[in-house]
Amino acid sequence: MRINEKHEIRFLMLRKRVAQHFIQSIKVKFKNVQIIDQKYEILYENEYILFPLIDDQEHLGDLYDFIEKKFIFKLVYRKGVPNLNYKYRSLQEALKNKIPEIYLDSIPQSYDIIGDIATVEFDTFILSNSVEHIIYKKIIADAIISVNKNVKSVFEKKSEIKGTYRLRELALLAGKNKSETTHKENDCIFKLDVKKTYFSPRLLFERRRISTLKMNENEIIVDMFSGVGPFSIQIANQNKVIIYAFDINPIAYQFLKENIKLNKLKGKIFRHNINIEDLTHPESQIGKNLHNKADRIIMNLPEKALDFINTACYLMKKSGGILHFYRFSKRPNPVEKAIELLKTKLGSLNWNIEKTLNSKVVKSYSPKEDLIVLDVYIQYLES
């Protein structure tokens, strides 16, 4: 039976004077089963109370056998009145009886929530733009909103992350047609536009890890691909350091500027809207100022970080500093493969990994690749 307020659902009708006794009885007998369907309001008709029942024939059969010896009752059908305070425990529960069983395996197992916006990706079974698939995508999107009361908009991920600005195509499925939002993470606030800037909420714990590492006072840190500032701001929120944050995306840069003002920072952030490669050009004044000055460098550009190692070496202190290097690496042994690639690249520039401080898989990226991070202490090899 489809869950919809326009459809009649089954109610158990009891006299008011026995209703409380009924509630207590089923709490004891069915303590691990929800017999009353809390998605709907209890109804009142004269001297009767009508309890909405779950759509589960097996448990309802047990209920009838149990109460027929204790109470006089009737089964009646009425239009269900949705309980506006009910919170679904999962997306699967919210979608029960709303989409055909053939699509149940296509319900997204996870989706990203950034501020009050959710972005969701569907598998190939429900990817087409047929009328039927569009309808079921909309139903799933509405369910995401019903499960997450803070979510006001749901967008479908229509492409992979691509381009210089690391963006993806998004299409509105449900809710407000707005892509700008405010996201809270690890006691920091970030304004951003999910269509015009890159931001991954799945790096929450990684950003917390980096921001809580022991750092020296006034340590010079370079965030090579800062975006709207999730690494830079969380580090400066926790540490009295000096951060140079770079990003090529002018819109991300403007949000970074705003986000610095929104947060209470112990450290200082100097923002720059430039291509990080320009720092090595002879005419770059900021490049000259930072040449071999950095104590720590963050390289969160896993698709292409290896291509910018020469810039990182140009900025890092020759006496040695810490590099946080992110990369998509193929299984098996993704960490070991990434270390070998980094060693080879650094060696070609006369730099060396003196010590590996941390190396791990951050998260799965695709069926064949993982996102890995290497925290390494690197040093220039004097000729």
Protein backbone atom coordinates (compact mmCIF):
# COMPACT_ATOMS: atom_id res chain seq x y z
CA MET A 1 0.00 0.00 0.00
CA ARG A 2 1.51 3.33 -1.05
CA ILE A 3 2.17 5.75 1.80
CA ASN A 4 0.31 8.89 0.89
CA GLU A 5 -2.09 11.09 2.84
CA LYS A 6 -4.58 10.78 -0.03
CA HIS A 7 -4.85 7.01 0.51
CA GLU A 8 -6.72 5.29 3.27
CA ILE A 9 -4.73 3.30 5.78
CA ARG A 10 -5.70 0.73 8.36
CA PHE A 11 -6.58 1.83 11.91
CA LEU A 12 -7.33 -0.14 15.06
CA MET A 13 -10.46 1.35 16.69
CA LEU A 14 -10.79 1.07 20.48
CA ARG A 15 -12.89 2.78 23.11
CA LYS A 16 -11.04 5.60 24.84
CA ARG A 17 -11.41 4.02 28.28
CA VAL A 18 -9.25 1.01 27.28
CA ALA A 19 -6.75 2.84 25.07
CA GLN A 20 -4.13 3.35 27.79
CA HIS A 21 -4.33 -0.30 28.83
CA PHE A 22 -3.89 -1.26 25.16
CA ILE A 23 -0.75 0.88 24.83
CA GLN A 24 0.82 -0.64 27.92
CA SER A 25 -0.02 -4.17 26.80
CA ILE A 26 1.59 -3.90 23.36
CA LYS A 27 4.68 -2.17 24.81
CA VAL A 28 5.28 -5.30 26.90
CA LYS A 29 4.33 -7.85 24.25
CA PHE A 30 5.94 -6.12 21.23
CA LYS A 31 8.80 -4.25 22.88
CA ASN A 32 11.08 -4.69 19.85
CA VAL A 33 8.42 -4.03 17.21
CA GLN A 34 6.75 -0.73 16.29
CA ILE A 35 3.08 -1.73 15.93
CA ILE A 36 1.62 1.79 15.76
CA ASP A 37 2.69 3.61 12.61
CA GLN A 38 4.19 6.84 13.95
CA LYS A 39 4.24 8.41 10.49
CA TYR A 40 0.55 9.14 11.02
CA GLU A 41 -1.47 10.89 13.69
CA ILE A 42 -3.74 9.00 16.09
CA LEU A 43 -7.36 9.91 15.28
CA TYR A 44 -10.28 10.56 17.62
CA GLU A 45 -13.92 9.85 16.78
CA ASN A 46 -16.50 10.40 19.54
CA GLU A 47 -15.72 7.85 22.28
CA TYR A 48 -13.18 5.99 20.12
CA ILE A 49 -9.47 6.29 19.47
CA LEU A 50 -8.06 5.11 16.15
CA PHE A 51 -4.46 3.86 16.12
CA PRO A 52 -2.69 3.80 12.71
CA LEU A 53 -1.12 0.37 12.15
CA ILE A 54 2.12 -0.57 10.44
CA ASP A 55 1.91 -2.27 7.05
CA ASP A 56 3.28 -5.63 8.19
CA GLN A 57 0.93 -8.60 7.92
CA GLU A 58 3.03 -10.95 10.04
CA HIS A 59 3.25 -8.66 13.05
CA LEU A 60 -0.34 -7.51 12.67
CA GLY A 61 -1.48 -11.11 12.71
CA ASP A 62 0.36 -11.58 16.01
CA LEU A 63 -1.24 -8.38 17.31
CA TYR A 64 -4.78 -9.52 16.48
CA ASP A 65 -4.22 -12.90 18.13
CA PHE A 66 -2.90 -11.16 21.22
CA ILE A 67 -5.56 -8.44 21.71
CA GLU A 68 -8.72 -10.29 20.65
CA LYS A 69 -8.75 -11.99 24.05
CA LYS A 70 -8.26 -8.69 25.89
CA PHE A 71 -10.14 -5.96 23.98
CA ILE A 72 -13.14 -5.34 21.80
CA PHE A 73 -11.82 -3.66 18.66
CA LYS A 74 -12.57 -2.94 15.01
CA LEU A 75 -10.34 -2.55 11.97
CA VAL A 76 -11.32 0.52 9.98
CA TYR A 77 -9.86 2.46 7.07
CA ARG A 78 -9.42 6.23 7.11
CA LYS A 79 -7.38 8.82 5.27
CA GLY A 80 -4.04 9.05 7.05
CA VAL A 81 -3.01 12.38 8.58
CA PRO A 82 0.80 12.67 8.34
CA ASN A 83 2.64 13.24 11.60
CA LEU A 84 4.68 16.34 10.78
CA ASN A 85 7.01 15.69 13.71
CA TYR A 86 7.96 12.20 12.60
CA LYS A 87 11.59 11.73 11.63
CA TYR A 88 12.42 8.81 9.35
CA ARG A 89 15.31 6.73 10.62
CA SER A 90 16.70 6.02 7.16
CA LEU A 91 16.20 6.79 3.50
CA GLN A 92 15.04 3.20 2.98
CA GLU A 93 12.29 3.65 5.57
CA ALA A 94 11.15 6.92 4.04
CA LEU A 95 10.88 5.25 0.63
CA LYS A 96 9.11 2.10 1.73
CA ASN A 97 6.09 1.48 -0.52
CA LYS A 98 6.82 4.68 -2.49
CA ILE A 99 8.89 3.22 -5.31
CA PRO A 100 8.70 -0.17 -7.05
CA GLU A 101 10.83 -2.95 -5.58
CA ILE A 102 12.85 -3.10 -8.80
CA TYR A 103 14.33 0.28 -7.84
CA LEU A 104 15.06 -0.45 -4.19
CA ASP A 105 18.65 -1.47 -4.92
CA SER A 106 19.09 1.88 -6.68
CA ILE A 107 18.40 3.89 -3.54
CA PRO A 108 21.67 5.76 -2.88
CA GLN A 109 23.53 4.27 0.07
CA SER A 110 25.14 7.63 0.79
CA TYR A 111 24.88 11.25 -0.24
CA ASP A 112 26.71 14.43 0.66
CA ILE A 113 25.18 17.14 2.84
CA ILE A 114 26.80 20.56 2.61
CA GLY A 115 24.97 23.11 4.75
CA ASP A 116 21.31 22.82 3.78
CA ILE A 117 22.07 21.22 0.40
CA ALA A 118 22.30 17.51 -0.39
CA THR A 119 24.03 16.16 -3.51
CA VAL A 120 23.26 12.62 -4.61
CA GLU A 121 24.57 10.22 -7.23
CA PHE A 122 22.51 7.43 -8.80
CA ASP A 123 23.78 4.16 -10.19
CA THR A 124 23.47 3.32 -13.88
CA PHE A 125 20.13 1.55 -13.40
CA ILE A 126 18.30 4.81 -12.75
CA LEU A 127 20.49 7.23 -14.68
CA SER A 128 18.36 7.77 -17.76
CA ASN A 129 16.18 10.84 -18.24
CA SER A 130 13.06 8.82 -18.96
CA VAL A 131 9.86 10.14 -17.41
CA GLU A 132 9.70 7.14 -15.08
CA HIS A 133 13.27 7.61 -13.81
CA ILE A 134 12.79 11.35 -13.35
CA ILE A 135 9.71 10.65 -11.20
CA TYR A 136 11.54 8.17 -8.98
CA LYS A 137 14.59 10.43 -8.63
CA LYS A 138 12.23 13.17 -7.44
CA ILE A 139 10.61 10.80 -4.93
CA ILE A 140 14.05 9.81 -3.60
CA ALA A 141 15.08 13.47 -3.38
CA ASP A 142 11.91 14.32 -1.44
CA ALA A 143 12.70 11.45 0.92
CA ILE A 144 16.20 12.81 1.52
CA ILE A 145 14.60 16.09 2.61
CA SER A 146 12.13 14.25 4.87
CA VAL A 147 14.95 12.27 6.54
CA ASN A 148 17.20 15.33 6.96
CA LYS A 149 15.10 18.21 8.29
CA ASN A 150 17.93 20.72 7.75
CA VAL A 151 18.15 19.94 4.01
CA LYS A 152 16.28 22.42 1.81
CA SER A 153 17.61 21.45 -1.65
CA VAL A 154 18.67 18.22 -3.34
CA PHE A 155 20.85 18.19 -6.46
CA GLU A 156 21.81 15.25 -8.63
CA LYS A 157 25.49 14.81 -9.48
CA LYS A 158 25.42 14.77 -13.27
CA SER A 159 29.15 14.49 -13.95
CA GLU A 160 32.48 13.65 -12.41
CA ILE A 161 34.62 16.40 -10.87
CA LYS A 162 36.44 18.02 -13.76
CA GLY A 163 38.21 21.11 -15.04
CA THR A 164 40.72 23.50 -13.54
CA TYR A 165 38.27 24.54 -10.82
CA ARG A 166 37.36 20.92 -9.89
CA LEU A 167 33.61 21.37 -10.40
CA ARG A 168 30.82 19.00 -11.35
CA GLU A 169 27.48 19.49 -13.10
CA LEU A 170 24.53 19.51 -10.72
CA ALA A 171 20.78 19.39 -11.49
CA LEU A 172 18.03 20.32 -9.03
CA LEU A 173 15.80 17.40 -8.04
CA ALA A 174 13.80 18.80 -5.13
CA GLY A 175 13.52 21.82 -2.87
CA LYS A 176 14.81 25.35 -3.37
CA ASN A 177 16.75 26.14 -6.52
CA LYS A 178 19.74 27.67 -4.78
CA SER A 179 23.33 26.46 -4.73
CA GLU A 180 24.85 28.84 -2.17
CA THR A 181 24.88 27.66 1.43
CA THR A 182 26.58 27.95 4.81
CA HIS A 183 28.28 24.83 6.12
CA LYS A 184 29.48 24.19 9.68
CA GLU A 185 32.41 21.88 10.31
CA ASN A 186 34.67 21.36 13.33
CA ASP A 187 33.53 24.63 14.98
CA CYS A 188 34.15 26.63 11.80
CA ILE A 189 31.73 28.24 9.32
CA PHE A 190 32.07 28.15 5.54
CA LYS A 191 30.05 29.97 2.92
CA LEU A 192 30.26 28.41 -0.53
CA ASP A 193 28.42 27.65 -3.75
CA VAL A 194 28.21 23.94 -4.52
CA LYS A 195 28.00 24.66 -8.26
CA LYS A 196 30.85 27.16 -8.45
CA THR A 197 33.35 25.93 -5.84
CA TYR A 198 34.81 22.58 -4.79
CA PHE A 199 34.04 21.32 -1.29
CA SER A 200 33.96 17.75 0.03
CA PRO A 201 32.27 17.13 3.40
CA ARG A 202 33.80 13.65 3.33
CA LEU A 203 37.17 15.11 4.37
CA LEU A 204 35.78 16.34 7.69
CA PHE A 205 37.88 13.98 9.83
CA GLU A 206 40.98 14.51 7.71
CA ARG A 207 40.74 18.28 8.13
CA ARG A 208 40.24 17.82 11.87
CA ARG A 209 43.30 15.56 12.01
CA ILE A 210 45.53 18.06 10.24
CA SER A 211 44.26 21.06 12.22
CA THR A 212 44.95 19.32 15.55
CA LEU A 213 48.53 18.29 14.75
CA LYS A 214 51.23 19.87 16.88
CA MET A 215 52.40 23.02 15.09
CA ASN A 216 55.01 25.59 16.09
CA GLU A 217 53.97 29.16 16.83
CA ASN A 218 54.32 31.37 13.74
CA GLU A 219 54.99 28.32 11.57
CA ILE A 220 54.73 29.23 7.88
CA ILE A 221 52.18 27.05 6.09
CA VAL A 222 51.27 27.02 2.40
CA ASP A 223 47.84 25.71 1.39
CA MET A 224 48.48 25.24 -2.33
CA PHE A 225 44.88 24.50 -3.37
CA SER A 226 42.83 26.17 -0.64
CA GLY A 227 39.38 26.45 -2.24
CA VAL A 228 37.00 28.23 0.17
CA GLY A 229 39.46 27.56 3.00
CA PRO A 230 38.45 24.37 4.85
CA PHE A 231 42.05 23.38 5.66
CA SER A 232 43.46 26.90 6.15
CA ILE A 233 40.65 28.17 8.37
CA GLN A 234 40.48 25.09 10.57
CA ILE A 235 44.25 25.14 11.06
CA ALA A 236 44.26 28.89 11.86
CA ASN A 237 41.31 28.36 14.19
CA GLN A 238 43.41 25.98 16.29
CA ASN A 239 46.96 27.30 15.85
CA LYS A 240 48.85 30.59 15.96
CA VAL A 241 50.46 30.13 12.55
CA ILE A 242 50.95 32.07 9.32
CA ILE A 243 49.14 30.57 6.34
CA TYR A 244 49.42 31.49 2.66
CA ALA A 245 46.29 30.20 0.93
CA PHE A 246 46.24 29.98 -2.88
CA ASP A 247 43.46 29.13 -5.30
CA ILE A 248 42.99 29.70 -9.02
CA ASN A 249 39.17 29.91 -8.80
CA PRO A 250 38.15 33.58 -8.32
CA ILE A 251 34.78 32.62 -6.82
CA ALA A 252 36.43 30.28 -4.29
CA TYR A 253 38.83 33.11 -3.48
CA GLN A 254 35.93 35.50 -2.73
CA PHE A 255 34.30 32.93 -0.45
CA LEU A 256 37.68 32.37 1.28
CA LYS A 257 37.89 36.11 1.90
CA GLU A 258 34.41 36.07 3.47
CA ASN A 259 35.06 32.89 5.46
CA ILE A 260 38.18 34.36 7.06
CA LYS A 261 35.98 37.16 8.44
CA LEU A 262 33.32 34.71 9.65
CA ASN A 263 35.65 32.69 11.87
CA LYS A 264 37.64 33.44 15.00
CA LEU A 265 41.24 32.66 14.12
CA LYS A 266 44.35 32.36 16.25
CA GLY A 267 46.54 32.43 13.17
CA LYS A 268 46.77 34.71 10.15
CA ILE A 269 45.72 33.78 6.60
CA PHE A 270 47.04 35.63 3.56
CA ARG A 271 44.89 34.77 0.55
CA HIS A 272 45.91 34.89 -3.12
CA ASN A 273 43.86 34.24 -6.27
CA ILE A 274 46.59 32.96 -8.59
CA ASN A 275 47.74 29.84 -10.38
CA ILE A 276 50.11 28.16 -7.93
CA GLU A 277 52.60 27.53 -10.75
CA ASP A 278 53.05 31.30 -11.16
CA LEU A 279 54.94 31.40 -7.86
CA THR A 280 58.03 29.95 -9.54
CA HIS A 281 58.13 32.66 -12.21
CA PRO A 282 60.97 35.19 -11.76
CA GLU A 283 58.53 38.13 -11.78
CA SER A 284 56.33 36.74 -8.96
CA GLN A 285 56.96 38.86 -5.86
CA ILE A 286 54.98 36.57 -3.54
CA GLY A 287 56.94 33.64 -4.99
CA LYS A 288 60.22 35.38 -4.21
CA ASN A 289 59.04 36.14 -0.67
CA LEU A 290 58.06 32.51 -0.02
CA HIS A 291 60.98 30.85 -1.82
CA ASN A 292 62.32 28.14 0.54
CA LYS A 293 60.41 29.65 3.49
CA ALA A 294 57.57 27.15 4.12
CA ASP A 295 57.63 24.88 7.18
CA ARG A 296 54.58 22.91 6.06
CA ILE A 297 52.75 22.53 2.74
CA ILE A 298 49.28 21.09 2.11
CA MET A 299 48.71 19.58 -1.35
CA ASN A 300 45.04 18.62 -1.47
CA LEU A 301 44.71 18.15 -5.23
CA PRO A 302 44.68 14.34 -5.45
CA GLU A 303 44.19 14.22 -9.23
CA LYS A 304 47.32 16.25 -10.03
CA ALA A 305 49.32 16.91 -6.85
CA LEU A 306 52.33 15.07 -8.24
CA ASP A 307 52.49 17.56 -11.13
CA PHE A 308 53.08 20.42 -8.66
CA ILE A 309 55.88 18.87 -6.58
CA ASN A 310 58.40 21.19 -8.20
CA THR A 311 56.42 24.19 -6.88
CA ALA A 312 56.22 22.64 -3.42
CA CYS A 313 60.00 22.14 -3.40
CA TYR A 314 60.48 25.75 -4.52
CA LEU A 315 58.50 26.91 -1.49
CA MET A 316 59.71 24.44 1.18
CA LYS A 317 62.62 25.23 3.47
CA LYS A 318 65.73 23.44 2.21
CA SER A 319 66.56 22.48 5.78
CA GLY A 320 63.36 20.46 5.80
CA GLY A 321 59.62 20.68 6.26
CA ILE A 322 56.39 18.69 6.37
CA LEU A 323 54.44 17.86 3.22
CA HIS A 324 50.80 16.70 3.40
CA PHE A 325 50.43 15.00 0.03
CA TYR A 326 47.06 13.68 -1.25
CA ARG A 327 46.68 11.36 -4.22
CA PHE A 328 44.25 8.95 -5.84
CA SER A 329 46.16 5.69 -5.96
CA LYS A 330 45.25 2.34 -7.50
CA ARG A 331 44.71 -0.84 -5.53
CA PRO A 332 46.31 -3.08 -4.45
CA ASN A 333 48.85 -1.41 -2.17
CA PRO A 334 47.78 2.18 -2.93
CA VAL A 335 49.87 3.71 -0.13
CA GLU A 336 53.07 1.94 -1.18
CA LYS A 337 52.56 2.96 -4.81
CA ALA A 338 52.03 6.60 -3.84
CA ILE A 339 55.17 6.64 -1.68
CA GLU A 340 57.30 5.26 -4.52
CA LEU A 341 55.94 7.82 -6.99
CA LEU A 342 56.55 10.67 -4.57
CA LYS A 343 60.08 9.45 -3.78
CA THR A 344 60.92 9.25 -7.47
CA LYS A 345 59.55 12.72 -8.22
CA LEU A 346 61.30 14.30 -5.23
CA GLY A 347 64.55 12.54 -6.11
CA SER A 348 64.48 14.02 -9.62
CA LEU A 349 64.43 17.47 -7.97
CA ASN A 350 67.22 16.59 -5.52
CA TRP A 351 64.84 16.30 -2.54
CA ASN A 352 64.36 13.28 -0.30
CA ILE A 353 61.80 11.86 2.14
CA GLU A 354 63.70 11.89 5.42
CA LYS A 355 60.81 10.45 7.42
CA THR A 356 57.27 9.23 6.81
CA LEU A 357 55.19 10.63 9.66
CA ASN A 358 51.88 9.16 8.54
CA SER A 359 50.55 7.23 5.55
CA LYS A 360 47.05 5.89 5.17
CA VAL A 361 43.94 5.47 3.03
CA VAL A 362 41.60 8.40 3.72
CA LYS A 363 38.63 6.91 1.88
CA SER A 364 37.64 4.80 -1.08
CA TYR A 365 37.40 6.88 -4.25
CA SER A 366 36.31 4.38 -6.92
CA PRO A 367 36.13 0.61 -7.41
CA LYS A 368 39.84 0.61 -8.28
CA GLU A 369 41.29 3.61 -6.43
CA ASP A 370 41.63 5.02 -2.92
CA LEU A 371 42.33 8.54 -1.72
CA ILE A 372 45.55 8.34 0.28
CA VAL A 373 47.47 10.86 2.34
CA LEU A 374 51.20 10.95 3.02
CA ASP A 375 52.56 13.15 5.79
CA VAL A 376 56.26 13.21 5.06
CA TYR A 377 59.25 15.23 6.24
CA ILE A 378 61.24 16.21 3.16
CA GLN A 379 64.68 17.78 2.87
CA TYR A 380 66.88 19.15 0.12
CA LEU A 381 69.93 17.07 -0.75
CA GLU A 382 72.95 19.34 -0.92
CA SER A 383 75.16 18.68 -3.93
